[in-house]
């Protein structure tokens, strides 16, 4: 059986609440803080994660490795990916905060 040679990439920011619930941003233009604000009190201490092109949710450290390998961000980003790193590298403006 042939392996799928699709290049793995980072799709969007996501947050994981304490109860394990994962909330995925509608686009790269969203920040983790905007997701937390939209979800309210339950998301106050949510972890900052990312969704990959294989739909797996990973932490900031793993996302940084994937984004660098896929050439989505420069190597200067460091060991942990931030939502603004993806936006800046793609030339995307941050969406206005949801109300």
PDB file of N, CA and C in Angstrom:
ATOM      1  N   UNK A   1       0.835  -1.170   0.000  1.00  0.00           N
ATOM      2  CA  UNK A   1       0.000   0.000   0.000  1.00  0.00           C
ATOM      3  C   UNK A   1       0.888   1.245   0.000  1.00  0.00           C
ATOM      4  N   UNK A   2       0.542   2.219  -0.837  1.00  0.00           N
ATOM      5  CA  UNK A   2       1.334   3.444  -0.952  1.00  0.00           C
ATOM      6  C   UNK A   2       1.017   4.401   0.201  1.00  0.00           C
ATOM      7  N   UNK A   3       2.046   5.088   0.662  1.00  0.00           N
ATOM      8  CA  UNK A   3       1.864   6.081   1.725  1.00  0.00           C
ATOM      9  C   UNK A   3       1.323   7.371   1.127  1.00  0.00           C
ATOM     10  N   UNK A   4       0.506   8.055   1.898  1.00  0.00           N
ATOM     11  CA  UNK A   4      -0.004   9.353   1.494  1.00  0.00           C
ATOM     12  C   UNK A   4       1.130  10.369   1.643  1.00  0.00           C
ATOM     13  N   UNK A   5       1.506  11.010   0.557  1.00  0.00           N
ATOM     14  CA  UNK A   5       2.646  11.926   0.568  1.00  0.00           C
ATOM     15  C   UNK A   5       2.216  13.390   0.726  1.00  0.00           C
ATOM     16  N   UNK A   6       1.012  13.620   1.210  1.00  0.00           N
ATOM     17  CA  UNK A   6       0.541  14.976   1.420  1.00  0.00           C
ATOM     18  C   UNK A   6       1.376  15.631   2.519  1.00  0.00           C
ATOM     19  N   UNK A   7       1.834  16.838   2.235  1.00  0.00           N
ATOM     20  CA  UNK A   7       2.653  17.568   3.201  1.00  0.00           C
ATOM     21  C   UNK A   7       1.780  18.049   4.358  1.00  0.00           C
ATOM     22  N   UNK A   8       2.223  17.757   5.559  1.00  0.00           N
ATOM     23  CA  UNK A   8       1.511  18.168   6.759  1.00  0.00           C
ATOM     24  C   UNK A   8       1.697  19.660   6.966  1.00  0.00           C
ATOM     25  N   UNK A   9       0.624  20.361   7.347  1.00  0.00           N
ATOM     26  CA  UNK A   9       0.704  21.797   7.591  1.00  0.00           C
ATOM     27  C   UNK A   9      -0.202  22.175   8.762  1.00  0.00           C
ATOM     28  N   UNK A  10      -0.026  23.391   9.237  1.00  0.00           N
ATOM     29  CA  UNK A  10      -0.854  23.912  10.324  1.00  0.00           C
ATOM     30  C   UNK A  10      -2.033  24.648   9.693  1.00  0.00           C
ATOM     31  N   UNK A  11      -3.243  24.260  10.084  1.00  0.00           N
ATOM     32  CA  UNK A  11      -4.434  24.895   9.517  1.00  0.00           C
ATOM     33  C   UNK A  11      -4.848  26.145  10.283  1.00  0.00           C
ATOM     34  N   UNK A  12      -5.188  25.976  11.560  1.00  0.00           N
ATOM     35  CA  UNK A  12      -5.736  27.089  12.341  1.00  0.00           C
ATOM     36  C   UNK A  12      -5.407  26.942  13.823  1.00  0.00           C
ATOM     37  N   UNK A  13      -5.488  28.042  14.571  1.00  0.00           N
ATOM     38  CA  UNK A  13      -5.354  27.957  16.024  1.00  0.00           C
ATOM     39  C   UNK A  13      -6.539  27.187  16.623  1.00  0.00           C
ATOM     40  N   UNK A  14      -6.313  26.596  17.784  1.00  0.00           N
ATOM     41  CA  UNK A  14      -7.372  25.896  18.516  1.00  0.00           C
ATOM     42  C   UNK A  14      -7.084  26.050  20.000  1.00  0.00           C
ATOM     43  N   UNK A  15      -8.109  25.873  20.808  1.00  0.00           N
ATOM     44  CA  UNK A  15      -7.903  25.868  22.255  1.00  0.00           C
ATOM     45  C   UNK A  15      -8.505  24.582  22.820  1.00  0.00           C
ATOM     46  N   UNK A  16      -7.907  24.097  23.902  1.00  0.00           N
ATOM     47  CA  UNK A  16      -8.406  22.909  24.574  1.00  0.00           C
ATOM     48  C   UNK A  16      -8.733  23.278  26.010  1.00  0.00           C
ATOM     49  N   UNK A  17     -10.027  23.164  26.348  1.00  0.00           N
ATOM     50  CA  UNK A  17     -10.477  23.496  27.688  1.00  0.00           C
ATOM     51  C   UNK A  17     -10.085  22.390  28.671  1.00  0.00           C
ATOM     52  N   UNK A  18     -10.179  22.690  29.957  1.00  0.00           N
ATOM     53  CA  UNK A  18      -9.803  21.726  30.995  1.00  0.00           C
ATOM     54  C   UNK A  18     -10.568  20.413  30.890  1.00  0.00           C
ATOM     55  N   UNK A  19     -11.824  20.477  30.434  1.00  0.00           N
ATOM     56  CA  UNK A  19     -12.645  19.263  30.323  1.00  0.00           C
ATOM     57  C   UNK A  19     -12.332  18.467  29.059  1.00  0.00           C
ATOM     58  N   UNK A  20     -11.371  18.942  28.261  1.00  0.00           N
ATOM     59  CA  UNK A  20     -10.964  18.241  27.049  1.00  0.00           C
ATOM     60  C   UNK A  20     -11.637  18.741  25.784  1.00  0.00           C
ATOM     61  N   UNK A  21     -12.618  19.609  25.913  1.00  0.00           N
ATOM     62  CA  UNK A  21     -13.319  20.156  24.747  1.00  0.00           C
ATOM     63  C   UNK A  21     -12.349  20.987  23.916  1.00  0.00           C
ATOM     64  N   UNK A  22     -12.353  20.748  22.603  1.00  0.00           N
ATOM     65  CA  UNK A  22     -11.477  21.477  21.687  1.00  0.00           C
ATOM     66  C   UNK A  22     -12.324  22.421  20.836  1.00  0.00           C
ATOM     67  N   UNK A  23     -11.894  23.666  20.758  1.00  0.00           N
ATOM     68  CA  UNK A  23     -12.556  24.667  19.930  1.00  0.00           C
ATOM     69  C   UNK A  23     -11.553  25.109  18.872  1.00  0.00           C
ATOM     70  N   UNK A  24     -11.938  24.968  17.621  1.00  0.00           N
ATOM     71  CA  UNK A  24     -11.066  25.283  16.488  1.00  0.00           C
ATOM     72  C   UNK A  24     -11.481  26.621  15.890  1.00  0.00           C
ATOM     73  N   UNK A  25     -10.510  27.453  15.581  1.00  0.00           N
ATOM     74  CA  UNK A  25     -10.790  28.767  14.979  1.00  0.00           C
ATOM     75  C   UNK A  25     -11.354  28.601  13.572  1.00  0.00           C
ATOM     76  N   UNK A  26     -12.206  29.531  13.142  1.00  0.00           N
ATOM     77  CA  UNK A  26     -12.751  29.471  11.790  1.00  0.00           C
ATOM     78  C   UNK A  26     -11.702  29.724  10.699  1.00  0.00           C
ATOM     79  N   UNK A  27     -10.616  30.427  11.061  1.00  0.00           N
ATOM     80  CA  UNK A  27      -9.564  30.707  10.075  1.00  0.00           C
ATOM     81  C   UNK A  27      -8.264  31.075  10.793  1.00  0.00           C
ATOM     82  N   UNK A  28      -7.187  31.214  10.027  1.00  0.00           N
ATOM     83  CA  UNK A  28      -5.898  31.626  10.589  1.00  0.00           C
ATOM     84  C   UNK A  28      -5.938  33.060  11.110  1.00  0.00           C
ATOM     85  N   UNK A  29      -6.933  33.816  10.695  1.00  0.00           N
ATOM     86  CA  UNK A  29      -7.023  35.213  11.114  1.00  0.00           C
ATOM     87  C   UNK A  29      -7.417  35.359  12.583  1.00  0.00           C
ATOM     88  N   UNK A  30      -7.839  34.289  13.207  1.00  0.00           N
ATOM     89  CA  UNK A  30      -8.243  34.313  14.609  1.00  0.00           C
ATOM     90  C   UNK A  30      -7.050  34.057  15.515  1.00  0.00           C
ATOM     91  N   UNK A  31      -7.075  34.672  16.711  1.00  0.00           N
ATOM     92  CA  UNK A  31      -6.043  34.414  17.722  1.00  0.00           C
ATOM     93  C   UNK A  31      -6.607  33.486  18.790  1.00  0.00           C
ATOM     94  N   UNK A  32      -5.721  32.909  19.563  1.00  0.00           N
ATOM     95  CA  UNK A  32      -6.145  32.064  20.683  1.00  0.00           C
ATOM     96  C   UNK A  32      -6.977  32.873  21.679  1.00  0.00           C
ATOM     97  N   UNK A  33      -6.553  34.093  21.936  1.00  0.00           N
ATOM     98  CA  UNK A  33      -7.271  34.937  22.896  1.00  0.00           C
ATOM     99  C   UNK A  33      -8.690  35.245  22.417  1.00  0.00           C
ATOM    100  N   UNK A  34      -8.866  35.423  21.113  1.00  0.00           N
ATOM    101  CA  UNK A  34     -10.201  35.666  20.585  1.00  0.00           C
ATOM    102  C   UNK A  34     -11.094  34.436  20.761  1.00  0.00           C
ATOM    103  N   UNK A  35     -10.529  33.261  20.566  1.00  0.00           N
ATOM    104  CA  UNK A  35     -11.293  32.029  20.780  1.00  0.00           C
ATOM    105  C   UNK A  35     -11.714  31.912  22.241  1.00  0.00           C
ATOM    106  N   UNK A  36     -10.769  32.202  23.138  1.00  0.00           N
ATOM    107  CA  UNK A  36     -11.068  32.127  24.566  1.00  0.00           C
ATOM    108  C   UNK A  36     -12.166  33.129  24.946  1.00  0.00           C
ATOM    109  N   UNK A  37     -12.093  34.315  24.389  1.00  0.00           N
ATOM    110  CA  UNK A  37     -13.094  35.347  24.680  1.00  0.00           C
ATOM    111  C   UNK A  37     -14.470  34.904  24.169  1.00  0.00           C
ATOM    112  N   UNK A  38     -14.505  34.345  22.976  1.00  0.00           N
ATOM    113  CA  UNK A  38     -15.773  33.899  22.386  1.00  0.00           C
ATOM    114  C   UNK A  38     -16.407  32.783  23.206  1.00  0.00           C
ATOM    115  N   UNK A  39     -15.578  31.894  23.745  1.00  0.00           N
ATOM    116  CA  UNK A  39     -16.099  30.756  24.507  1.00  0.00           C
ATOM    117  C   UNK A  39     -16.466  31.111  25.942  1.00  0.00           C
ATOM    118  N   UNK A  40     -15.943  32.220  26.437  1.00  0.00           N
ATOM    119  CA  UNK A  40     -16.328  32.686  27.761  1.00  0.00           C
ATOM    120  C   UNK A  40     -15.552  32.057  28.900  1.00  0.00           C
ATOM    121  N   UNK A  41     -16.187  32.047  30.063  1.00  0.00           N
ATOM    122  CA  UNK A  41     -15.558  31.640  31.316  1.00  0.00           C
ATOM    123  C   UNK A  41     -14.955  30.229  31.262  1.00  0.00           C
ATOM    124  N   UNK A  42     -15.609  29.301  30.597  1.00  0.00           N
ATOM    125  CA  UNK A  42     -15.134  27.912  30.540  1.00  0.00           C
ATOM    126  C   UNK A  42     -13.751  27.811  29.896  1.00  0.00           C
ATOM    127  N   UNK A  43     -13.415  28.754  29.037  1.00  0.00           N
ATOM    128  CA  UNK A  43     -12.152  28.700  28.300  1.00  0.00           C
ATOM    129  C   UNK A  43     -11.050  29.538  28.933  1.00  0.00           C
ATOM    130  N   UNK A  44     -11.303  30.085  30.110  1.00  0.00           N
ATOM    131  CA  UNK A  44     -10.348  31.001  30.745  1.00  0.00           C
ATOM    132  C   UNK A  44      -8.942  30.413  30.850  1.00  0.00           C
ATOM    133  N   UNK A  45      -8.830  29.147  31.197  1.00  0.00           N
ATOM    134  CA  UNK A  45      -7.522  28.512  31.372  1.00  0.00           C
ATOM    135  C   UNK A  45      -7.233  27.480  30.273  1.00  0.00           C
ATOM    136  N   UNK A  46      -7.840  27.663  29.116  1.00  0.00           N
ATOM    137  CA  UNK A  46      -7.652  26.721  28.003  1.00  0.00           C
ATOM    138  C   UNK A  46      -6.222  26.770  27.481  1.00  0.00           C
ATOM    139  N   UNK A  47      -5.756  25.618  26.998  1.00  0.00           N
ATOM    140  CA  UNK A  47      -4.409  25.526  26.419  1.00  0.00           C
ATOM    141  C   UNK A  47      -4.449  25.977  24.970  1.00  0.00           C
ATOM    142  N   UNK A  48      -3.373  26.607  24.538  1.00  0.00           N
ATOM    143  CA  UNK A  48      -3.248  27.072  23.158  1.00  0.00           C
ATOM    144  C   UNK A  48      -2.689  25.942  22.305  1.00  0.00           C
ATOM    145  N   UNK A  49      -3.490  25.456  21.374  1.00  0.00           N
ATOM    146  CA  UNK A  49      -3.099  24.376  20.476  1.00  0.00           C
ATOM    147  C   UNK A  49      -3.331  24.815  19.030  1.00  0.00           C
ATOM    148  N   UNK A  50      -3.085  23.892  18.109  1.00  0.00           N
ATOM    149  CA  UNK A  50      -3.314  24.143  16.685  1.00  0.00           C
ATOM    150  C   UNK A  50      -3.881  22.888  16.038  1.00  0.00           C
ATOM    151  N   UNK A  51      -4.668  23.088  14.975  1.00  0.00           N
ATOM    152  CA  UNK A  51      -5.173  21.971  14.194  1.00  0.00           C
ATOM    153  C   UNK A  51      -4.290  21.812  12.954  1.00  0.00           C
ATOM    154  N   UNK A  52      -3.884  20.581  12.695  1.00  0.00           N
ATOM    155  CA  UNK A  52      -3.051  20.286  11.526  1.00  0.00           C
ATOM    156  C   UNK A  52      -3.913  19.850  10.346  1.00  0.00           C
ATOM    157  N   UNK A  53      -3.303  19.756   9.174  1.00  0.00           N
ATOM    158  CA  UNK A  53      -4.026  19.369   7.963  1.00  0.00           C
ATOM    159  C   UNK A  53      -4.560  17.936   8.023  1.00  0.00           C
ATOM    160  N   UNK A  54      -4.031  17.120   8.928  1.00  0.00           N
ATOM    161  CA  UNK A  54      -4.562  15.767   9.114  1.00  0.00           C
ATOM    162  C   UNK A  54      -5.653  15.762  10.191  1.00  0.00           C
ATOM    163  N   UNK A  55      -6.073  16.967  10.623  1.00  0.00           N
ATOM    164  CA  UNK A  55      -7.115  17.214  11.626  1.00  0.00           C
ATOM    165  C   UNK A  55      -6.714  16.833  13.048  1.00  0.00           C
ATOM    166  N   UNK A  56      -5.445  16.577  13.262  1.00  0.00           N
ATOM    167  CA  UNK A  56      -4.926  16.297  14.596  1.00  0.00           C
ATOM    168  C   UNK A  56      -4.712  17.620  15.333  1.00  0.00           C
ATOM    169  N   UNK A  57      -5.003  17.633  16.628  1.00  0.00           N
ATOM    170  CA  UNK A  57      -4.773  18.814  17.472  1.00  0.00           C
ATOM    171  C   UNK A  57      -3.439  18.605  18.188  1.00  0.00           C
ATOM    172  N   UNK A  58      -2.544  19.591  18.046  1.00  0.00           N
ATOM    173  CA  UNK A  58      -1.206  19.485  18.651  1.00  0.00           C
ATOM    174  C   UNK A  58      -0.888  20.741  19.458  1.00  0.00           C
ATOM    175  N   UNK A  59       0.081  20.611  20.358  1.00  0.00           N
ATOM    176  CA  UNK A  59       0.499  21.756  21.175  1.00  0.00           C
ATOM    177  C   UNK A  59       1.355  22.718  20.350  1.00  0.00           C
ATOM    178  N   UNK A  60       1.698  23.841  20.947  1.00  0.00           N
ATOM    179  CA  UNK A  60       2.446  24.893  20.243  1.00  0.00           C
ATOM    180  C   UNK A  60       3.827  24.430  19.797  1.00  0.00           C
ATOM    181  N   UNK A  61       4.454  23.565  20.593  1.00  0.00           N
ATOM    182  CA  UNK A  61       5.803  23.077  20.256  1.00  0.00           C
ATOM    183  C   UNK A  61       5.769  22.201  18.995  1.00  0.00           C
ATOM    184  N   UNK A  62       4.826  21.254  18.959  1.00  0.00           N
ATOM    185  CA  UNK A  62       4.698  20.378  17.789  1.00  0.00           C
ATOM    186  C   UNK A  62       4.260  21.174  16.558  1.00  0.00           C
ATOM    187  N   UNK A  63       3.365  22.130  16.755  1.00  0.00           N
ATOM    188  CA  UNK A  63       2.899  22.962  15.638  1.00  0.00           C
ATOM    189  C   UNK A  63       4.044  23.770  15.035  1.00  0.00           C
ATOM    190  N   UNK A  64       4.957  24.247  15.882  1.00  0.00           N
ATOM    191  CA  UNK A  64       6.112  25.011  15.388  1.00  0.00           C
ATOM    192  C   UNK A  64       6.976  24.136  14.480  1.00  0.00           C
ATOM    193  N   UNK A  65       7.179  22.889  14.867  1.00  0.00           N
ATOM    194  CA  UNK A  65       7.980  21.960  14.045  1.00  0.00           C
ATOM    195  C   UNK A  65       7.314  21.718  12.701  1.00  0.00           C
ATOM    196  N   UNK A  66       5.994  21.483  12.718  1.00  0.00           N
ATOM    197  CA  UNK A  66       5.249  21.215  11.482  1.00  0.00           C
ATOM    198  C   UNK A  66       5.265  22.446  10.578  1.00  0.00           C
ATOM    199  N   UNK A  67       4.989  23.620  11.139  1.00  0.00           N
ATOM    200  CA  UNK A  67       4.949  24.852  10.344  1.00  0.00           C
ATOM    201  C   UNK A  67       6.305  25.175   9.731  1.00  0.00           C
ATOM    202  N   UNK A  68       7.364  24.936  10.483  1.00  0.00           N
ATOM    203  CA  UNK A  68       8.709  25.195   9.963  1.00  0.00           C
ATOM    204  C   UNK A  68       9.051  24.227   8.831  1.00  0.00           C
ATOM    205  N   UNK A  69       8.730  22.946   9.039  1.00  0.00           N
ATOM    206  CA  UNK A  69       9.018  21.934   8.016  1.00  0.00           C
ATOM    207  C   UNK A  69       8.215  22.203   6.732  1.00  0.00           C
ATOM    208  N   UNK A  70       6.979  22.699   6.892  1.00  0.00           N
ATOM    209  CA  UNK A  70       6.131  23.006   5.746  1.00  0.00           C
ATOM    210  C   UNK A  70       6.445  24.377   5.142  1.00  0.00           C
ATOM    211  N   UNK A  71       7.431  25.063   5.736  1.00  0.00           N
ATOM    212  CA  UNK A  71       7.838  26.398   5.287  1.00  0.00           C
ATOM    213  C   UNK A  71       6.693  27.415   5.366  1.00  0.00           C
ATOM    214  N   UNK A  72       5.847  27.234   6.390  1.00  0.00           N
ATOM    215  CA  UNK A  72       4.756  28.181   6.623  1.00  0.00           C
ATOM    216  C   UNK A  72       5.219  29.368   7.446  1.00  0.00           C
ATOM    217  N   UNK A  73       6.295  29.181   8.181  1.00  0.00           N
ATOM    218  CA  UNK A  73       6.860  30.243   9.024  1.00  0.00           C
ATOM    219  C   UNK A  73       8.385  30.179   8.918  1.00  0.00           C
ATOM    220  N   UNK A  74       9.063  31.293   9.168  1.00  0.00           N
ATOM    221  CA  UNK A  74      10.529  31.273   9.148  1.00  0.00           C
ATOM    222  C   UNK A  74      11.082  30.541  10.375  1.00  0.00           C
ATOM    223  N   UNK A  75      12.317  30.079  10.270  1.00  0.00           N
ATOM    224  CA  UNK A  75      12.957  29.375  11.380  1.00  0.00           C
ATOM    225  C   UNK A  75      13.085  30.244  12.622  1.00  0.00           C
ATOM    226  N   UNK A  76      13.060  31.531  12.452  1.00  0.00           N
ATOM    227  CA  UNK A  76      13.223  32.455  13.572  1.00  0.00           C
ATOM    228  C   UNK A  76      12.025  32.458  14.527  1.00  0.00           C
ATOM    229  N   UNK A  77      10.965  31.752  14.189  1.00  0.00           N
ATOM    230  CA  UNK A  77       9.770  31.706  15.029  1.00  0.00           C
ATOM    231  C   UNK A  77      10.083  31.118  16.401  1.00  0.00           C
ATOM    232  N   UNK A  78      10.960  30.164  16.449  1.00  0.00           N
ATOM    233  CA  UNK A  78      11.334  29.587  17.737  1.00  0.00           C
ATOM    234  C   UNK A  78      10.688  28.243  18.002  1.00  0.00           C
ATOM    235  N   UNK A  79      10.717  27.835  19.273  1.00  0.00           N
ATOM    236  CA  UNK A  79      10.269  26.497  19.637  1.00  0.00           C
ATOM    237  C   UNK A  79       8.763  26.365  19.818  1.00  0.00           C
ATOM    238  N   UNK A  80       8.069  27.469  20.008  1.00  0.00           N
ATOM    239  CA  UNK A  80       6.614  27.422  20.232  1.00  0.00           C
ATOM    240  C   UNK A  80       5.909  28.375  19.265  1.00  0.00           C
ATOM    241  N   UNK A  81       4.937  27.828  18.546  1.00  0.00           N
ATOM    242  CA  UNK A  81       4.191  28.622  17.575  1.00  0.00           C
ATOM    243  C   UNK A  81       3.114  29.449  18.276  1.00  0.00           C
ATOM    244  N   UNK A  82       2.921  30.658  17.804  1.00  0.00           N
ATOM    245  CA  UNK A  82       1.861  31.540  18.285  1.00  0.00           C
ATOM    246  C   UNK A  82       0.941  31.829  17.107  1.00  0.00           C
ATOM    247  N   UNK A  83      -0.310  32.131  17.381  1.00  0.00           N
ATOM    248  CA  UNK A  83      -1.259  32.388  16.291  1.00  0.00           C
ATOM    249  C   UNK A  83      -0.798  33.554  15.410  1.00  0.00           C
ATOM    250  N   UNK A  84      -0.159  34.559  16.009  1.00  0.00           N
ATOM    251  CA  UNK A  84       0.300  35.694  15.196  1.00  0.00           C
ATOM    252  C   UNK A  84       1.452  35.302  14.264  1.00  0.00           C
ATOM    253  N   UNK A  85       2.202  34.257  14.595  1.00  0.00           N
ATOM    254  CA  UNK A  85       3.276  33.787  13.704  1.00  0.00           C
ATOM    255  C   UNK A  85       2.700  33.325  12.368  1.00  0.00           C
ATOM    256  N   UNK A  86       1.596  32.579  12.427  1.00  0.00           N
ATOM    257  CA  UNK A  86       0.947  32.104  11.199  1.00  0.00           C
ATOM    258  C   UNK A  86       0.388  33.269  10.389  1.00  0.00           C
ATOM    259  N   UNK A  87      -0.280  34.193  11.081  1.00  0.00           N
ATOM    260  CA  UNK A  87      -0.855  35.356  10.385  1.00  0.00           C
ATOM    261  C   UNK A  87       0.224  36.195   9.725  1.00  0.00           C
ATOM    262  N   UNK A  88       1.272  36.497  10.472  1.00  0.00           N
ATOM    263  CA  UNK A  88       2.350  37.340   9.933  1.00  0.00           C
ATOM    264  C   UNK A  88       3.016  36.698   8.726  1.00  0.00           C
ATOM    265  N   UNK A  89       3.311  35.408   8.810  1.00  0.00           N
ATOM    266  CA  UNK A  89       3.993  34.718   7.716  1.00  0.00           C
ATOM    267  C   UNK A  89       3.124  34.646   6.462  1.00  0.00           C
ATOM    268  N   UNK A  90       1.802  34.560   6.649  1.00  0.00           N
ATOM    269  CA  UNK A  90       0.893  34.459   5.505  1.00  0.00           C
ATOM    270  C   UNK A  90       0.359  35.819   5.061  1.00  0.00           C
ATOM    271  N   UNK A  91       0.725  36.887   5.787  1.00  0.00           N
ATOM    272  CA  UNK A  91       0.245  38.216   5.431  1.00  0.00           C
ATOM    273  C   UNK A  91      -1.245  38.396   5.691  1.00  0.00           C
ATOM    274  N   UNK A  92      -1.767  37.712   6.718  1.00  0.00           N
ATOM    275  CA  UNK A  92      -3.184  37.775   7.059  1.00  0.00           C
ATOM    276  C   UNK A  92      -3.372  38.744   8.217  1.00  0.00           C
ATOM    277  N   UNK A  93      -4.388  39.577   8.115  1.00  0.00           N
ATOM    278  CA  UNK A  93      -4.710  40.496   9.205  1.00  0.00           C
ATOM    279  C   UNK A  93      -5.591  39.782  10.222  1.00  0.00           C
ATOM    280  N   UNK A  94      -5.405  40.146  11.474  1.00  0.00           N
ATOM    281  CA  UNK A  94      -6.222  39.575  12.555  1.00  0.00           C
ATOM    282  C   UNK A  94      -7.658  40.055  12.402  1.00  0.00           C
ATOM    283  N   UNK A  95      -8.604  39.142  12.601  1.00  0.00           N
ATOM    284  CA  UNK A  95     -10.004  39.544  12.561  1.00  0.00           C
ATOM    285  C   UNK A  95     -10.340  40.406  13.758  1.00  0.00           C
ATOM    286  N   UNK A  96     -11.356  41.216  13.631  1.00  0.00           N
ATOM    287  CA  UNK A  96     -11.795  42.016  14.763  1.00  0.00           C
ATOM    288  C   UNK A  96     -12.368  41.093  15.822  1.00  0.00           C
ATOM    289  N   UNK A  97     -12.158  41.419  17.060  1.00  0.00           N
ATOM    290  CA  UNK A  97     -12.618  40.582  18.166  1.00  0.00           C
ATOM    291  C   UNK A  97     -14.127  40.382  18.111  1.00  0.00           C
ATOM    292  N   UNK A  98     -14.551  39.120  18.325  1.00  0.00           N
ATOM    293  CA  UNK A  98     -15.984  38.850  18.381  1.00  0.00           C
ATOM    294  C   UNK A  98     -16.592  39.481  19.621  1.00  0.00           C
ATOM    295  N   UNK A  99     -17.849  39.788  19.552  1.00  0.00           N
ATOM    296  CA  UNK A  99     -18.512  40.425  20.699  1.00  0.00           C
ATOM    297  C   UNK A  99     -19.226  39.417  21.545  1.00  0.00           C
TER     298      UNK A  99
END
